[in-house]
Amino acid sequence: MRLNQKNPPELQEVTFDSKDGIKLYADYYESKKGKSAPLIMLFHLGGGDVRDEYASIIPELQKLDYNIIATDTCAGGDRFGTNRTMANIKKEFGCCDAYQDLESALEFAKSEGFTGKKIAWLNHARRGRPKTTEKSFWKLSNKHSGKFKNLATTSSGGSD
């Protein structure tokens, strides 16, 4: 894990590698209860970034004292802000390509010692693509059944 010291103390920028070697960027918000508190893993697919897409939600989750890891995946983009994972990558990825990023985030959480219940939340920004987007999400839940307490998918309803 590498921290970016420019961020406010409640936010730690972390990096870890996806299975295909892409450096993933994520934001980590620590619960006052430590790593045994529930962990919400936030993901964004379909052209966005987690920092801007979840900007209004993260403070509310912090008030509920969750640990939060918000990961920019390879299926993101600049729809709402800057997807740090894709900032210097010219290749385009589809939503199904992000599966390995979701799995890598889960492995990162495990390696960092998060022991609380895990909740995965995936938002997709493009209308007409939820089945494609959710395919990666459901594959993660099926392969790692029992590791998640809850799964949630939402759509911000962007257009193609």
Protein backbone atom coordinates (compact mmCIF):
# COMPACT_ATOMS: atom_id res chain seq x y z
CA MET A 1 0.00 0.00 0.00
CA ARG A 2 1.27 3.46 -0.87
CA LEU A 3 -0.17 6.53 0.76
CA ASN A 4 -0.54 9.94 -0.81
CA GLN A 5 0.23 12.50 1.90
CA LYS A 6 -1.55 15.36 0.05
CA ASN A 7 -5.00 14.10 1.00
CA PRO A 8 -6.88 15.05 4.17
CA PRO A 9 -6.13 12.81 7.16
CA GLU A 10 -9.43 10.91 6.91
CA LEU A 11 -8.64 9.86 3.32
CA GLN A 12 -5.68 7.72 2.36
CA GLU A 13 -4.95 7.12 -1.31
CA VAL A 14 -3.77 3.55 -1.82
CA THR A 15 -2.50 1.64 -4.82
CA PHE A 16 -2.42 -2.07 -5.55
CA ASP A 17 -2.02 -4.17 -8.68
CA SER A 18 -4.79 -5.83 -10.62
CA LYS A 19 -4.25 -9.38 -11.82
CA ASP A 20 -3.25 -8.06 -15.25
CA GLY A 21 -0.59 -5.77 -13.75
CA ILE A 22 -2.51 -2.48 -13.97
CA LYS A 23 -1.88 -0.22 -10.99
CA LEU A 24 -5.25 0.43 -9.36
CA TYR A 25 -5.94 3.58 -7.36
CA ALA A 26 -8.34 3.60 -4.45
CA ASP A 27 -9.32 5.77 -1.51
CA TYR A 28 -9.40 4.30 1.96
CA TYR A 29 -11.42 5.81 4.78
CA GLU A 30 -10.77 4.18 8.15
CA SER A 31 -13.48 3.53 10.69
CA LYS A 32 -12.91 4.70 14.25
CA LYS A 33 -13.64 1.09 15.19
CA GLY A 34 -10.63 -0.17 13.23
CA LYS A 35 -10.39 -2.95 10.68
CA SER A 36 -12.94 -5.13 12.46
CA ALA A 37 -15.73 -2.69 11.53
CA PRO A 38 -17.76 -3.51 8.40
CA LEU A 39 -16.06 -2.65 5.11
CA ILE A 40 -17.93 -1.12 2.19
CA MET A 41 -16.13 -1.62 -1.12
CA LEU A 42 -17.22 0.99 -3.68
CA PHE A 43 -16.70 0.52 -7.42
CA HIS A 44 -17.67 2.53 -10.47
CA LEU A 45 -17.97 1.21 -14.01
CA GLY A 46 -19.17 2.73 -17.24
CA GLY A 47 -17.01 5.78 -17.70
CA GLY A 48 -16.74 7.28 -14.22
CA ASP A 49 -14.54 7.60 -11.19
CA VAL A 50 -15.27 6.73 -7.56
CA ARG A 51 -14.11 9.98 -5.97
CA ASP A 52 -16.60 12.17 -7.76
CA GLU A 53 -19.39 9.63 -8.21
CA TYR A 54 -19.55 8.75 -4.49
CA ALA A 55 -18.63 12.24 -3.16
CA SER A 56 -22.02 12.79 -1.53
CA ILE A 57 -22.36 9.23 -0.22
CA ILE A 58 -18.97 8.69 1.42
CA PRO A 59 -19.51 11.26 4.22
CA GLU A 60 -22.79 9.54 5.12
CA LEU A 61 -21.09 6.14 5.23
CA GLN A 62 -18.35 7.62 7.43
CA LYS A 63 -20.99 8.85 9.89
CA LEU A 64 -22.16 5.23 10.15
CA ASP A 65 -18.54 4.26 10.97
CA TYR A 66 -17.83 1.95 8.05
CA ASN A 67 -14.39 1.27 6.67
CA ILE A 68 -14.51 2.28 3.00
CA ILE A 69 -12.33 1.30 0.04
CA ALA A 70 -13.39 3.12 -3.15
CA THR A 71 -11.57 1.73 -6.20
CA ASP A 72 -11.17 3.31 -9.65
CA THR A 73 -11.43 0.38 -12.07
CA CYS A 74 -10.13 -0.02 -15.61
CA ALA A 75 -13.71 0.32 -16.90
CA GLY A 76 -13.95 3.88 -15.63
CA GLY A 77 -13.25 7.16 -17.32
CA ASP A 78 -13.61 10.90 -16.99
CA ARG A 79 -17.41 11.20 -16.97
CA PHE A 80 -17.51 12.82 -13.50
CA GLY A 81 -13.86 13.60 -12.78
CA THR A 82 -10.52 11.87 -13.16
CA ASN A 83 -10.28 8.11 -12.95
CA ARG A 84 -6.75 7.81 -11.56
CA THR A 85 -6.35 4.20 -12.70
CA MET A 86 -7.03 5.12 -16.32
CA ALA A 87 -5.38 8.56 -16.34
CA ASN A 88 -2.26 7.36 -18.19
CA ILE A 89 -3.68 4.34 -20.03
CA LYS A 90 -4.81 4.78 -23.63
CA LYS A 91 -6.41 1.34 -24.08
CA GLU A 92 -10.18 1.07 -23.57
CA PHE A 93 -11.65 -1.60 -21.33
CA GLY A 94 -15.20 -2.90 -21.13
CA CYS A 95 -17.21 -3.43 -17.98
CA CYS A 96 -16.53 -7.18 -17.97
CA ASP A 97 -12.78 -6.45 -18.07
CA ALA A 98 -13.12 -4.88 -14.62
CA TYR A 99 -13.83 -8.22 -12.93
CA GLN A 100 -10.16 -8.71 -12.12
CA ASP A 101 -10.10 -5.23 -10.55
CA LEU A 102 -13.02 -6.11 -8.27
CA GLU A 103 -11.33 -9.34 -7.28
CA SER A 104 -8.00 -7.58 -6.69
CA ALA A 105 -9.70 -5.06 -4.39
CA LEU A 106 -11.14 -7.93 -2.36
CA GLU A 107 -7.70 -9.54 -2.12
CA PHE A 108 -6.21 -6.18 -1.10
CA ALA A 109 -8.78 -5.85 1.71
CA LYS A 110 -7.95 -9.34 2.93
CA SER A 111 -4.18 -8.72 2.81
CA GLU A 112 -4.62 -5.47 4.78
CA GLY A 113 -6.37 -7.32 7.61
CA PHE A 114 -9.99 -6.19 7.26
CA THR A 115 -11.96 -8.70 9.31
CA GLY A 116 -15.41 -7.07 9.46
CA LYS A 117 -18.32 -7.98 7.22
CA LYS A 118 -17.86 -6.89 3.63
CA ILE A 119 -20.40 -5.06 1.52
CA ALA A 120 -19.79 -4.48 -2.19
CA TRP A 121 -21.48 -1.56 -3.96
CA LEU A 122 -21.19 -1.14 -7.72
CA ASN A 123 -22.50 1.86 -9.65
CA HIS A 124 -22.70 1.92 -13.42
CA ALA A 125 -23.20 5.18 -15.28
CA ARG A 126 -24.47 4.11 -18.66
CA ARG A 127 -28.05 3.28 -19.48
CA GLY A 128 -28.55 0.07 -21.37
CA ARG A 129 -25.49 -1.65 -19.94
CA PRO A 130 -26.53 -2.91 -16.50
CA LYS A 131 -26.46 -6.58 -17.52
CA THR A 132 -22.93 -6.25 -18.89
CA THR A 133 -21.79 -4.28 -15.89
CA GLU A 134 -23.40 -6.51 -13.32
CA LYS A 135 -21.95 -9.64 -14.91
CA SER A 136 -18.56 -8.86 -13.33
CA PHE A 137 -20.21 -8.08 -10.03
CA TRP A 138 -22.22 -11.27 -9.84
CA LYS A 139 -19.22 -13.32 -10.95
CA LEU A 140 -17.32 -11.87 -7.97
CA SER A 141 -20.15 -12.70 -5.57
CA ASN A 142 -20.51 -16.26 -6.90
CA LYS A 143 -16.80 -17.03 -6.84
CA HIS A 144 -16.38 -15.56 -3.35
CA SER A 145 -19.71 -16.60 -1.86
CA GLY A 146 -19.82 -16.16 1.87
CA LYS A 147 -17.28 -13.33 1.84
CA PHE A 148 -19.89 -10.61 1.36
CA LYS A 149 -22.72 -9.74 3.73
CA ASN A 150 -24.51 -7.63 1.12
CA LEU A 151 -24.21 -6.64 -2.53
CA ALA A 152 -25.71 -3.52 -4.09
CA THR A 153 -25.84 -2.19 -7.63
CA THR A 154 -27.05 1.25 -8.66
CA SER A 155 -27.13 3.31 -11.81
CA SER A 156 -26.55 7.02 -12.13
CA GLY A 157 -28.32 6.88 -15.50
CA GLY A 158 -25.78 8.46 -17.80
CA SER A 159 -26.29 8.21 -21.54
CA ASP A 160 -24.27 6.59 -24.31
